[in-house]
């Protein structure tokens, strides 16, 4: 994918808690704040990679990139929802090219889809040499789901995102497909575990 990526799933994950354990469908308009366009919260985070960011192979550690992705996506989720938002899951993180020391990394994120209190954020990661004028290369993509929470950690409603361009509308539709697959996968795994327990195959899970 050559554009900004998307957010996390509705299962518990880093930063998850009671409010981040499920993914809700959009609620009635009366239950939701005013809508917001995609551009209202779109964000880019840039960072120069240094020797402290490397792994044993001498390239930038994937965990460093994932933290930047989570930071950018979290900022977008907070800006869109107008308050705290916690990471519910990372639906997908794809590394396309290695990142090197001296690369200027740009992490671009936007809200692709919204439910009642959850948001899928798409992230696109690009890298360019800090002292060269060559075009940036896409090195990764990610999709994350965030849950908006109140001061007590309970889910709170978020504005419905309004796609502004054909690209935004395509991302919204793709996010709906990912959500359907997440829910179907979760349901299938739950049913499998219940069958195995009923058959006496899993007794110490």
C-alpha atoms as a PDB file:
ATOM      1  CA  UNK A   1       0.000   0.000   0.000  1.00  0.00           C
ATOM      2  CA  UNK A   2       1.437   3.367  -0.919  1.00  0.00           C
ATOM      3  CA  UNK A   3      -0.603   5.613   1.295  1.00  0.00           C
ATOM      4  CA  UNK A   4      -1.083   6.192   5.050  1.00  0.00           C
ATOM      5  CA  UNK A   5      -1.969   3.070   6.885  1.00  0.00           C
ATOM      6  CA  UNK A   6      -4.468   2.120   9.488  1.00  0.00           C
ATOM      7  CA  UNK A   7      -5.231   1.275  13.127  1.00  0.00           C
ATOM      8  CA  UNK A   8      -5.613  -1.515  15.593  1.00  0.00           C
ATOM      9  CA  UNK A   9      -8.030  -4.268  16.439  1.00  0.00           C
ATOM     10  CA  UNK A  10     -10.543  -4.587  19.251  1.00  0.00           C
ATOM     11  CA  UNK A  11      -8.679  -7.218  21.289  1.00  0.00           C
ATOM     12  CA  UNK A  12      -6.671  -6.337  24.392  1.00  0.00           C
ATOM     13  CA  UNK A  13      -3.183  -5.122  23.582  1.00  0.00           C
ATOM     14  CA  UNK A  14      -0.518  -2.715  24.737  1.00  0.00           C
ATOM     15  CA  UNK A  15      -2.261   0.007  26.616  1.00  0.00           C
ATOM     16  CA  UNK A  16      -5.414  -2.083  26.524  1.00  0.00           C
ATOM     17  CA  UNK A  17      -7.800  -2.560  29.386  1.00  0.00           C
ATOM     18  CA  UNK A  18     -11.519  -3.027  29.907  1.00  0.00           C
ATOM     19  CA  UNK A  19     -12.231  -0.286  27.400  1.00  0.00           C
ATOM     20  CA  UNK A  20      -9.973  -1.834  24.792  1.00  0.00           C
ATOM     21  CA  UNK A  21     -11.358  -5.355  24.767  1.00  0.00           C
ATOM     22  CA  UNK A  22     -14.034  -4.957  22.138  1.00  0.00           C
ATOM     23  CA  UNK A  23     -14.760  -3.191  18.902  1.00  0.00           C
ATOM     24  CA  UNK A  24     -18.095  -1.512  18.461  1.00  0.00           C
ATOM     25  CA  UNK A  25     -20.068  -0.697  15.377  1.00  0.00           C
ATOM     26  CA  UNK A  26     -21.090   2.907  14.736  1.00  0.00           C
ATOM     27  CA  UNK A  27     -23.910   3.981  17.024  1.00  0.00           C
ATOM     28  CA  UNK A  28     -26.934   6.193  16.357  1.00  0.00           C
ATOM     29  CA  UNK A  29     -26.142   9.756  15.394  1.00  0.00           C
ATOM     30  CA  UNK A  30     -27.708  11.023  18.622  1.00  0.00           C
ATOM     31  CA  UNK A  31     -25.138   9.063  20.654  1.00  0.00           C
ATOM     32  CA  UNK A  32     -22.124  10.445  18.818  1.00  0.00           C
ATOM     33  CA  UNK A  33     -20.249  13.771  18.800  1.00  0.00           C
ATOM     34  CA  UNK A  34     -20.123  15.880  15.663  1.00  0.00           C
ATOM     35  CA  UNK A  35     -18.389  14.369  12.632  1.00  0.00           C
ATOM     36  CA  UNK A  36     -14.790  15.171  11.680  1.00  0.00           C
ATOM     37  CA  UNK A  37     -13.106  15.013   8.261  1.00  0.00           C
ATOM     38  CA  UNK A  38     -10.095  12.769   7.760  1.00  0.00           C
ATOM     39  CA  UNK A  39      -7.739  15.742   7.392  1.00  0.00           C
ATOM     40  CA  UNK A  40      -8.658  17.157  10.818  1.00  0.00           C
ATOM     41  CA  UNK A  41      -6.411  14.709  12.667  1.00  0.00           C
ATOM     42  CA  UNK A  42      -3.949  13.519   9.995  1.00  0.00           C
ATOM     43  CA  UNK A  43      -0.427  13.665  11.461  1.00  0.00           C
ATOM     44  CA  UNK A  44       3.221  13.129  10.444  1.00  0.00           C
ATOM     45  CA  UNK A  45       5.935  12.291  12.971  1.00  0.00           C
ATOM     46  CA  UNK A  46       9.584  12.548  11.826  1.00  0.00           C
ATOM     47  CA  UNK A  47      12.687  11.175  13.552  1.00  0.00           C
ATOM     48  CA  UNK A  48      16.376  10.708  12.617  1.00  0.00           C
ATOM     49  CA  UNK A  49      17.659   7.196  13.328  1.00  0.00           C
ATOM     50  CA  UNK A  50      20.873   6.953  15.382  1.00  0.00           C
ATOM     51  CA  UNK A  51      23.239   4.172  16.505  1.00  0.00           C
ATOM     52  CA  UNK A  52      21.172   3.637  19.659  1.00  0.00           C
ATOM     53  CA  UNK A  53      18.246   2.498  17.465  1.00  0.00           C
ATOM     54  CA  UNK A  54      20.056  -0.428  15.814  1.00  0.00           C
ATOM     55  CA  UNK A  55      19.697  -4.186  16.209  1.00  0.00           C
ATOM     56  CA  UNK A  56      22.401  -6.880  16.029  1.00  0.00           C
ATOM     57  CA  UNK A  57      22.369  -6.710  12.231  1.00  0.00           C
ATOM     58  CA  UNK A  58      23.238  -3.023  12.245  1.00  0.00           C
ATOM     59  CA  UNK A  59      19.895  -1.831  10.893  1.00  0.00           C
ATOM     60  CA  UNK A  60      17.194  -0.032  12.864  1.00  0.00           C
ATOM     61  CA  UNK A  61      15.334  -2.319  15.263  1.00  0.00           C
ATOM     62  CA  UNK A  62      11.760  -3.099  14.251  1.00  0.00           C
ATOM     63  CA  UNK A  63      10.596  -2.263  17.753  1.00  0.00           C
ATOM     64  CA  UNK A  64      11.868   1.300  17.357  1.00  0.00           C
ATOM     65  CA  UNK A  65       9.777   1.721  14.205  1.00  0.00           C
ATOM     66  CA  UNK A  66       6.770   0.152  15.906  1.00  0.00           C
ATOM     67  CA  UNK A  67       7.014   2.632  18.777  1.00  0.00           C
ATOM     68  CA  UNK A  68       7.068   5.533  16.311  1.00  0.00           C
ATOM     69  CA  UNK A  69       4.048   4.002  14.582  1.00  0.00           C
ATOM     70  CA  UNK A  70       2.199   3.688  17.894  1.00  0.00           C
ATOM     71  CA  UNK A  71       3.134   7.250  18.892  1.00  0.00           C
ATOM     72  CA  UNK A  72       1.896   8.740  15.611  1.00  0.00           C
ATOM     73  CA  UNK A  73      -1.267   6.627  15.579  1.00  0.00           C
ATOM     74  CA  UNK A  74      -1.973   7.501  19.211  1.00  0.00           C
ATOM     75  CA  UNK A  75      -1.649  11.200  18.461  1.00  0.00           C
ATOM     76  CA  UNK A  76      -4.100  10.862  15.577  1.00  0.00           C
ATOM     77  CA  UNK A  77      -6.587   8.882  17.688  1.00  0.00           C
ATOM     78  CA  UNK A  78      -6.391  11.440  20.501  1.00  0.00           C
ATOM     79  CA  UNK A  79      -6.818  14.381  18.152  1.00  0.00           C
ATOM     80  CA  UNK A  80      -9.753  12.803  16.355  1.00  0.00           C
ATOM     81  CA  UNK A  81     -11.538  11.716  19.524  1.00  0.00           C
ATOM     82  CA  UNK A  82     -10.715  14.887  21.455  1.00  0.00           C
ATOM     83  CA  UNK A  83      -9.241  13.084  24.442  1.00  0.00           C
ATOM     84  CA  UNK A  84      -7.456   9.967  25.693  1.00  0.00           C
ATOM     85  CA  UNK A  85      -7.323   6.909  23.446  1.00  0.00           C
ATOM     86  CA  UNK A  86      -5.604   3.593  24.188  1.00  0.00           C
ATOM     87  CA  UNK A  87      -4.112   1.045  21.818  1.00  0.00           C
ATOM     88  CA  UNK A  88      -6.437  -1.931  21.504  1.00  0.00           C
ATOM     89  CA  UNK A  89      -4.456  -3.905  18.943  1.00  0.00           C
ATOM     90  CA  UNK A  90      -2.038  -3.747  16.056  1.00  0.00           C
ATOM     91  CA  UNK A  91      -3.897  -5.394  13.240  1.00  0.00           C
ATOM     92  CA  UNK A  92      -0.919  -5.544  10.900  1.00  0.00           C
ATOM     93  CA  UNK A  93       2.673  -4.302  10.730  1.00  0.00           C
ATOM     94  CA  UNK A  94       4.575  -4.886   7.491  1.00  0.00           C
ATOM     95  CA  UNK A  95       8.263  -4.031   7.061  1.00  0.00           C
ATOM     96  CA  UNK A  96       9.028  -3.460   3.380  1.00  0.00           C
ATOM     97  CA  UNK A  97      12.645  -2.236   3.506  1.00  0.00           C
ATOM     98  CA  UNK A  98      15.345  -2.016   6.213  1.00  0.00           C
ATOM     99  CA  UNK A  99      15.890   1.354   7.900  1.00  0.00           C
ATOM    100  CA  UNK A 100      19.479   2.495   8.485  1.00  0.00           C
ATOM    101  CA  UNK A 101      21.288   4.793  10.852  1.00  0.00           C
ATOM    102  CA  UNK A 102      21.125   8.283   9.407  1.00  0.00           C
ATOM    103  CA  UNK A 103      17.712   7.780   7.839  1.00  0.00           C
ATOM    104  CA  UNK A 104      15.111  10.461   8.437  1.00  0.00           C
ATOM    105  CA  UNK A 105      11.945   8.469   9.079  1.00  0.00           C
ATOM    106  CA  UNK A 106       8.497   9.969   8.478  1.00  0.00           C
ATOM    107  CA  UNK A 107       5.484   8.235  10.034  1.00  0.00           C
ATOM    108  CA  UNK A 108       2.212   9.405   8.493  1.00  0.00           C
ATOM    109  CA  UNK A 109      -1.053   8.433  10.134  1.00  0.00           C
ATOM    110  CA  UNK A 110      -4.763   9.060   9.716  1.00  0.00           C
ATOM    111  CA  UNK A 111      -8.103   7.734  10.938  1.00  0.00           C
ATOM    112  CA  UNK A 112      -9.521   5.356   8.335  1.00  0.00           C
ATOM    113  CA  UNK A 113     -12.692   4.195  10.088  1.00  0.00           C
ATOM    114  CA  UNK A 114     -14.635   4.847  13.291  1.00  0.00           C
ATOM    115  CA  UNK A 115     -17.056   2.789  15.352  1.00  0.00           C
ATOM    116  CA  UNK A 116     -18.908   3.989  18.433  1.00  0.00           C
ATOM    117  CA  UNK A 117     -15.756   4.291  20.554  1.00  0.00           C
ATOM    118  CA  UNK A 118     -13.090   2.635  18.405  1.00  0.00           C
ATOM    119  CA  UNK A 119     -10.978   3.975  15.558  1.00  0.00           C
ATOM    120  CA  UNK A 120      -8.830   2.273  12.959  1.00  0.00           C
ATOM    121  CA  UNK A 121      -5.689   4.301  12.269  1.00  0.00           C
ATOM    122  CA  UNK A 122      -3.631   3.683   9.149  1.00  0.00           C
ATOM    123  CA  UNK A 123       0.097   4.388   9.207  1.00  0.00           C
ATOM    124  CA  UNK A 124       2.616   4.700   6.399  1.00  0.00           C
ATOM    125  CA  UNK A 125       6.347   4.720   7.172  1.00  0.00           C
ATOM    126  CA  UNK A 126       8.823   6.406   4.818  1.00  0.00           C
ATOM    127  CA  UNK A 127      12.585   6.919   5.043  1.00  0.00           C
ATOM    128  CA  UNK A 128      15.129   9.179   3.353  1.00  0.00           C
ATOM    129  CA  UNK A 129      18.777   9.969   4.003  1.00  0.00           C
ATOM    130  CA  UNK A 130      19.031  12.908   6.386  1.00  0.00           C
ATOM    131  CA  UNK A 131      21.610  14.752   4.232  1.00  0.00           C
ATOM    132  CA  UNK A 132      20.359  13.911   0.736  1.00  0.00           C
ATOM    133  CA  UNK A 133      17.560  15.319  -1.399  1.00  0.00           C
ATOM    134  CA  UNK A 134      16.451  11.997  -2.893  1.00  0.00           C
ATOM    135  CA  UNK A 135      12.761  11.092  -2.578  1.00  0.00           C
ATOM    136  CA  UNK A 136      11.651   9.194   0.504  1.00  0.00           C
ATOM    137  CA  UNK A 137      11.047   5.442   0.159  1.00  0.00           C
ATOM    138  CA  UNK A 138       8.147   3.631   1.756  1.00  0.00           C
ATOM    139  CA  UNK A 139       9.589   1.160   4.287  1.00  0.00           C
ATOM    140  CA  UNK A 140       6.525  -0.016   6.207  1.00  0.00           C
ATOM    141  CA  UNK A 141       2.779   0.083   6.789  1.00  0.00           C
ATOM    142  CA  UNK A 142       0.569  -0.664   9.763  1.00  0.00           C
ATOM    143  CA  UNK A 143      -3.061  -0.782  10.864  1.00  0.00           C
ATOM    144  CA  UNK A 144      -4.014  -0.200  14.495  1.00  0.00           C
ATOM    145  CA  UNK A 145      -7.255  -0.011  16.454  1.00  0.00           C
ATOM    146  CA  UNK A 146      -7.630   2.488  19.300  1.00  0.00           C
ATOM    147  CA  UNK A 147     -10.388   2.842  21.875  1.00  0.00           C
ATOM    148  CA  UNK A 148     -11.350   6.274  23.210  1.00  0.00           C
ATOM    149  CA  UNK A 149     -11.718   6.298  27.010  1.00  0.00           C
ATOM    150  CA  UNK A 150     -12.923   8.741  29.651  1.00  0.00           C
ATOM    151  CA  UNK A 151     -11.211   9.683  32.933  1.00  0.00           C
ATOM    152  CA  UNK A 152     -12.408   6.401  34.458  1.00  0.00           C
ATOM    153  CA  UNK A 153     -11.056   4.267  31.624  1.00  0.00           C
ATOM    154  CA  UNK A 154     -14.505   3.554  30.216  1.00  0.00           C
ATOM    155  CA  UNK A 155     -15.264   3.706  26.466  1.00  0.00           C
ATOM    156  CA  UNK A 156     -16.540   7.057  25.245  1.00  0.00           C
ATOM    157  CA  UNK A 157     -18.094   7.942  21.871  1.00  0.00           C
ATOM    158  CA  UNK A 158     -15.943   9.364  19.094  1.00  0.00           C
ATOM    159  CA  UNK A 159     -16.854  11.576  16.128  1.00  0.00           C
ATOM    160  CA  UNK A 160     -17.645   9.701  12.945  1.00  0.00           C
ATOM    161  CA  UNK A 161     -14.816  10.178  10.445  1.00  0.00           C
ATOM    162  CA  UNK A 162     -15.863  11.664   7.111  1.00  0.00           C
ATOM    163  CA  UNK A 163     -13.693  10.574   4.142  1.00  0.00           C
ATOM    164  CA  UNK A 164     -12.867  13.537   1.914  1.00  0.00           C
ATOM    165  CA  UNK A 165     -11.253  12.003  -1.174  1.00  0.00           C
ATOM    166  CA  UNK A 166     -11.685   8.855  -3.227  1.00  0.00           C
ATOM    167  CA  UNK A 167      -8.523   7.519  -1.599  1.00  0.00           C
ATOM    168  CA  UNK A 168      -9.988   8.181   1.845  1.00  0.00           C
ATOM    169  CA  UNK A 169     -13.233   6.468   0.851  1.00  0.00           C
ATOM    170  CA  UNK A 170     -11.312   3.440  -0.410  1.00  0.00           C
ATOM    171  CA  UNK A 171      -9.399   3.251   2.889  1.00  0.00           C
ATOM    172  CA  UNK A 172     -12.685   3.462   4.812  1.00  0.00           C
ATOM    173  CA  UNK A 173     -14.077   0.538   2.819  1.00  0.00           C
ATOM    174  CA  UNK A 174     -10.896  -1.490   3.299  1.00  0.00           C
ATOM    175  CA  UNK A 175     -11.031  -0.819   7.048  1.00  0.00           C
ATOM    176  CA  UNK A 176     -14.569  -2.220   7.152  1.00  0.00           C
ATOM    177  CA  UNK A 177     -13.303  -5.400   5.476  1.00  0.00           C
ATOM    178  CA  UNK A 178     -10.494  -5.721   8.010  1.00  0.00           C
ATOM    179  CA  UNK A 179     -12.957  -5.253  10.870  1.00  0.00           C
ATOM    180  CA  UNK A 180     -15.244  -7.964   9.477  1.00  0.00           C
ATOM    181  CA  UNK A 181     -12.291 -10.344   9.218  1.00  0.00           C
ATOM    182  CA  UNK A 182     -11.089  -9.519  12.747  1.00  0.00           C
ATOM    183  CA  UNK A 183     -14.485 -10.251  14.247  1.00  0.00           C
ATOM    184  CA  UNK A 184     -14.901 -13.453  12.207  1.00  0.00           C
ATOM    185  CA  UNK A 185     -11.433 -14.680  13.216  1.00  0.00           C
ATOM    186  CA  UNK A 186     -12.069 -13.938  16.877  1.00  0.00           C
ATOM    187  CA  UNK A 187     -15.441 -15.728  16.746  1.00  0.00           C
ATOM    188  CA  UNK A 188     -13.967 -18.779  14.974  1.00  0.00           C
ATOM    189  CA  UNK A 189     -11.125 -19.107  17.497  1.00  0.00           C
ATOM    190  CA  UNK A 190     -13.545 -18.780  20.415  1.00  0.00           C
ATOM    191  CA  UNK A 191     -15.813 -21.473  18.959  1.00  0.00           C
ATOM    192  CA  UNK A 192     -12.832 -23.788  18.364  1.00  0.00           C
ATOM    193  CA  UNK A 193     -11.634 -23.416  21.952  1.00  0.00           C
ATOM    194  CA  UNK A 194     -15.135 -24.031  23.315  1.00  0.00           C
ATOM    195  CA  UNK A 195     -15.450 -27.220  21.231  1.00  0.00           C
ATOM    196  CA  UNK A 196     -12.076 -28.493  22.415  1.00  0.00           C
ATOM    197  CA  UNK A 197     -12.965 -27.816  26.054  1.00  0.00           C
ATOM    198  CA  UNK A 198     -16.326 -29.584  25.588  1.00  0.00           C
ATOM    199  CA  UNK A 199     -14.468 -32.566  24.089  1.00  0.00           C
ATOM    200  CA  UNK A 200     -12.048 -32.633  27.004  1.00  0.00           C
ATOM    201  CA  UNK A 201      -9.040 -31.774  24.833  1.00  0.00           C
ATOM    202  CA  UNK A 202      -8.060 -28.494  26.501  1.00  0.00           C
ATOM    203  CA  UNK A 203      -8.160 -28.676  30.278  1.00  0.00           C
ATOM    204  CA  UNK A 204      -5.191 -26.584  31.428  1.00  0.00           C
ATOM    205  CA  UNK A 205      -5.226 -23.573  29.044  1.00  0.00           C
END
